[in-house]
Amino acid sequence: MTYPGGQPAAPQPAAPLTPTEDMQWASFAHLGGVIGPLPSLIIWLIFKDRGPFTNVEGKEALNFQITMVIAEIVGYILWAALIGFLIVPAVYILRIVFSILAFLKAKDGVNYRYPFAIRFIK
């Protein structure tokens, strides 16, 4: 495809998020954790360079979700030892409860730090 002037147009950088949008996407990164790590990952990757609050909260949400996935895998491994049937439901409950708590804080512009999350992404 040819462009006017013979050169392809340079991609335009995405516009920074407004403070309201920044809080909104940061809170969605936490709330998406109710269904797993994918929403947190997608939001963080798309908006991390556009909003500082979304960058911080998206990383926090993603770290928590990765920790929960690891705990869930451990639960399934220990299922044969009859302790996994307690771990897996506990992980689901913790994922939902803490994701909602973090969402409620982030929507008000308050940083939330999960009480037990391995910080894989710094």
C-alpha atoms as a PDB file:
ATOM      1  CA  MET A   1       0.000   0.000   0.000  1.00  0.00           C
ATOM      2  CA  THR A   2       1.373   3.403  -0.884  1.00  0.00           C
ATOM      3  CA  TYR A   3       0.939   6.415   1.307  1.00  0.00           C
ATOM      4  CA  PRO A   4       0.941  10.081   0.342  1.00  0.00           C
ATOM      5  CA  GLY A   5       4.546  11.180   0.137  1.00  0.00           C
ATOM      6  CA  GLY A   6       5.751   7.591  -0.253  1.00  0.00           C
ATOM      7  CA  GLN A   7       6.371   7.023   3.466  1.00  0.00           C
ATOM      8  CA  PRO A   8       4.175   5.021   5.840  1.00  0.00           C
ATOM      9  CA  ALA A   9       2.652   7.076   8.605  1.00  0.00           C
ATOM     10  CA  ALA A  10       4.392   6.702  11.958  1.00  0.00           C
ATOM     11  CA  PRO A  11       2.182   5.193  14.651  1.00  0.00           C
ATOM     12  CA  GLN A  12       0.924   7.749  17.114  1.00  0.00           C
ATOM     13  CA  PRO A  13       1.553   7.081  20.811  1.00  0.00           C
ATOM     14  CA  ALA A  14      -1.569   6.503  22.852  1.00  0.00           C
ATOM     15  CA  ALA A  15      -2.809   9.480  24.812  1.00  0.00           C
ATOM     16  CA  PRO A  16      -2.224   9.456  28.569  1.00  0.00           C
ATOM     17  CA  LEU A  17      -5.188   8.502  30.712  1.00  0.00           C
ATOM     18  CA  THR A  18      -7.050  11.187  32.585  1.00  0.00           C
ATOM     19  CA  PRO A  19      -6.954  10.781  36.393  1.00  0.00           C
ATOM     20  CA  THR A  20     -10.505   9.404  36.331  1.00  0.00           C
ATOM     21  CA  GLU A  21      -9.688   6.899  33.593  1.00  0.00           C
ATOM     22  CA  ASP A  22      -6.498   5.945  35.421  1.00  0.00           C
ATOM     23  CA  MET A  23      -8.457   5.090  38.587  1.00  0.00           C
ATOM     24  CA  GLN A  24     -11.104   3.290  36.532  1.00  0.00           C
ATOM     25  CA  TRP A  25      -8.666   0.989  34.722  1.00  0.00           C
ATOM     26  CA  ALA A  26      -6.664   0.378  37.895  1.00  0.00           C
ATOM     27  CA  SER A  27      -9.820  -0.717  39.702  1.00  0.00           C
ATOM     28  CA  PHE A  28     -10.838  -2.916  36.752  1.00  0.00           C
ATOM     29  CA  ALA A  29      -7.420  -4.615  36.908  1.00  0.00           C
ATOM     30  CA  HIS A  30      -8.254  -5.677  40.462  1.00  0.00           C
ATOM     31  CA  LEU A  31     -11.877  -6.602  39.764  1.00  0.00           C
ATOM     32  CA  GLY A  32     -10.911  -8.702  36.757  1.00  0.00           C
ATOM     33  CA  GLY A  33      -9.052 -10.955  39.172  1.00  0.00           C
ATOM     34  CA  VAL A  34     -12.390 -12.423  40.201  1.00  0.00           C
ATOM     35  CA  ILE A  35     -12.233 -14.529  37.032  1.00  0.00           C
ATOM     36  CA  GLY A  36      -8.466 -15.077  36.974  1.00  0.00           C
ATOM     37  CA  PRO A  37      -5.184 -13.451  35.991  1.00  0.00           C
ATOM     38  CA  LEU A  38      -5.921 -12.716  32.329  1.00  0.00           C
ATOM     39  CA  PRO A  39      -7.927  -9.465  32.775  1.00  0.00           C
ATOM     40  CA  SER A  40      -5.260  -8.047  35.097  1.00  0.00           C
ATOM     41  CA  LEU A  41      -2.533  -8.972  32.622  1.00  0.00           C
ATOM     42  CA  ILE A  42      -4.333  -7.450  29.640  1.00  0.00           C
ATOM     43  CA  ILE A  43      -5.184  -4.206  31.444  1.00  0.00           C
ATOM     44  CA  TRP A  44      -1.665  -3.827  32.794  1.00  0.00           C
ATOM     45  CA  LEU A  45      -0.037  -4.470  29.401  1.00  0.00           C
ATOM     46  CA  ILE A  46      -2.309  -2.051  27.561  1.00  0.00           C
ATOM     47  CA  PHE A  47      -2.429   0.812  30.076  1.00  0.00           C
ATOM     48  CA  LYS A  48       0.837   0.587  32.064  1.00  0.00           C
ATOM     49  CA  ASP A  49       2.514   3.344  30.030  1.00  0.00           C
ATOM     50  CA  ARG A  50      -0.569   5.543  29.904  1.00  0.00           C
ATOM     51  CA  GLY A  51      -1.423   5.868  33.606  1.00  0.00           C
ATOM     52  CA  PRO A  52       0.871   5.692  36.641  1.00  0.00           C
ATOM     53  CA  PHE A  53      -1.874   4.506  39.000  1.00  0.00           C
ATOM     54  CA  THR A  54      -2.922   1.782  36.560  1.00  0.00           C
ATOM     55  CA  ASN A  55       0.708   0.705  36.243  1.00  0.00           C
ATOM     56  CA  VAL A  56       1.146   0.303  40.010  1.00  0.00           C
ATOM     57  CA  GLU A  57      -2.234  -1.281  40.685  1.00  0.00           C
ATOM     58  CA  GLY A  58      -2.126  -3.475  37.586  1.00  0.00           C
ATOM     59  CA  LYS A  59       1.211  -4.934  38.709  1.00  0.00           C
ATOM     60  CA  GLU A  60      -0.143  -5.483  42.205  1.00  0.00           C
ATOM     61  CA  ALA A  61      -3.256  -7.223  40.868  1.00  0.00           C
ATOM     62  CA  LEU A  62      -1.225  -9.348  38.474  1.00  0.00           C
ATOM     63  CA  ASN A  63       1.235 -10.401  41.193  1.00  0.00           C
ATOM     64  CA  PHE A  64      -1.657 -11.451  43.410  1.00  0.00           C
ATOM     65  CA  GLN A  65      -3.308 -13.403  40.614  1.00  0.00           C
ATOM     66  CA  ILE A  66      -0.059 -15.211  39.773  1.00  0.00           C
ATOM     67  CA  THR A  67       0.305 -16.104  43.460  1.00  0.00           C
ATOM     68  CA  MET A  68      -3.244 -17.452  43.478  1.00  0.00           C
ATOM     69  CA  VAL A  69      -2.596 -19.557  40.355  1.00  0.00           C
ATOM     70  CA  ILE A  70       0.457 -21.088  42.047  1.00  0.00           C
ATOM     71  CA  ALA A  71      -1.581 -21.797  45.197  1.00  0.00           C
ATOM     72  CA  GLU A  72      -4.302 -23.368  43.072  1.00  0.00           C
ATOM     73  CA  ILE A  73      -1.781 -25.626  41.321  1.00  0.00           C
ATOM     74  CA  VAL A  74      -0.369 -26.671  44.693  1.00  0.00           C
ATOM     75  CA  GLY A  75      -3.913 -27.452  45.824  1.00  0.00           C
ATOM     76  CA  TYR A  76      -4.524 -29.681  42.827  1.00  0.00           C
ATOM     77  CA  ILE A  77      -1.194 -31.444  43.372  1.00  0.00           C
ATOM     78  CA  LEU A  78      -2.093 -32.060  47.018  1.00  0.00           C
ATOM     79  CA  TRP A  79      -5.588 -33.238  46.124  1.00  0.00           C
ATOM     80  CA  ALA A  80      -4.398 -36.852  46.393  1.00  0.00           C
ATOM     81  CA  ALA A  81      -3.168 -36.117  49.936  1.00  0.00           C
ATOM     82  CA  LEU A  82      -6.727 -35.047  50.833  1.00  0.00           C
ATOM     83  CA  ILE A  83      -5.666 -31.534  51.771  1.00  0.00           C
ATOM     84  CA  GLY A  84      -6.070 -30.102  48.282  1.00  0.00           C
ATOM     85  CA  PHE A  85      -9.840 -30.271  48.514  1.00  0.00           C
ATOM     86  CA  LEU A  86      -9.531 -27.575  51.209  1.00  0.00           C
ATOM     87  CA  ILE A  87      -6.880 -25.482  49.470  1.00  0.00           C
ATOM     88  CA  VAL A  88      -8.555 -25.082  46.071  1.00  0.00           C
ATOM     89  CA  PRO A  89     -11.881 -23.675  47.360  1.00  0.00           C
ATOM     90  CA  ALA A  90      -9.973 -21.432  49.777  1.00  0.00           C
ATOM     91  CA  VAL A  91      -7.961 -20.018  46.876  1.00  0.00           C
ATOM     92  CA  TYR A  92     -11.156 -19.225  44.951  1.00  0.00           C
ATOM     93  CA  ILE A  93     -12.709 -17.518  47.969  1.00  0.00           C
ATOM     94  CA  LEU A  94      -9.544 -15.509  48.692  1.00  0.00           C
ATOM     95  CA  ARG A  95      -9.269 -14.493  45.034  1.00  0.00           C
ATOM     96  CA  ILE A  96     -12.823 -13.147  45.006  1.00  0.00           C
ATOM     97  CA  VAL A  97     -12.745 -11.439  48.411  1.00  0.00           C
ATOM     98  CA  PHE A  98      -9.382  -9.711  48.007  1.00  0.00           C
ATOM     99  CA  SER A  99     -10.056  -8.713  44.391  1.00  0.00           C
ATOM    100  CA  ILE A 100     -13.267  -6.985  45.464  1.00  0.00           C
ATOM    101  CA  LEU A 101     -11.549  -5.288  48.427  1.00  0.00           C
ATOM    102  CA  ALA A 102      -8.787  -4.040  46.133  1.00  0.00           C
ATOM    103  CA  PHE A 103     -11.340  -2.844  43.578  1.00  0.00           C
ATOM    104  CA  LEU A 104     -13.157  -0.816  46.240  1.00  0.00           C
ATOM    105  CA  LYS A 105      -9.919   0.874  47.332  1.00  0.00           C
ATOM    106  CA  ALA A 106      -8.604   1.509  43.815  1.00  0.00           C
ATOM    107  CA  LYS A 107     -11.850   3.038  42.570  1.00  0.00           C
ATOM    108  CA  ASP A 108     -11.376   5.694  45.263  1.00  0.00           C
ATOM    109  CA  GLY A 109      -7.778   6.310  44.186  1.00  0.00           C
ATOM    110  CA  VAL A 110      -6.198   4.507  47.154  1.00  0.00           C
ATOM    111  CA  ASN A 111      -3.293   2.130  46.557  1.00  0.00           C
ATOM    112  CA  TYR A 112      -4.037  -1.410  47.693  1.00  0.00           C
ATOM    113  CA  ARG A 113      -1.390  -3.918  48.681  1.00  0.00           C
ATOM    114  CA  TYR A 114      -2.503  -7.530  48.953  1.00  0.00           C
ATOM    115  CA  PRO A 115      -1.503  -9.040  52.302  1.00  0.00           C
ATOM    116  CA  PHE A 116       0.100 -12.109  50.737  1.00  0.00           C
ATOM    117  CA  ALA A 117       1.303 -11.836  47.191  1.00  0.00           C
ATOM    118  CA  ILE A 118       4.676 -12.776  45.807  1.00  0.00           C
ATOM    119  CA  ARG A 119       6.030  -9.752  43.934  1.00  0.00           C
ATOM    120  CA  PHE A 120       7.073 -11.356  40.635  1.00  0.00           C
ATOM    121  CA  ILE A 121       6.722  -8.102  38.676  1.00  0.00           C
ATOM    122  CA  LYS A 122       8.526  -5.164  40.242  1.00  0.00           C
END
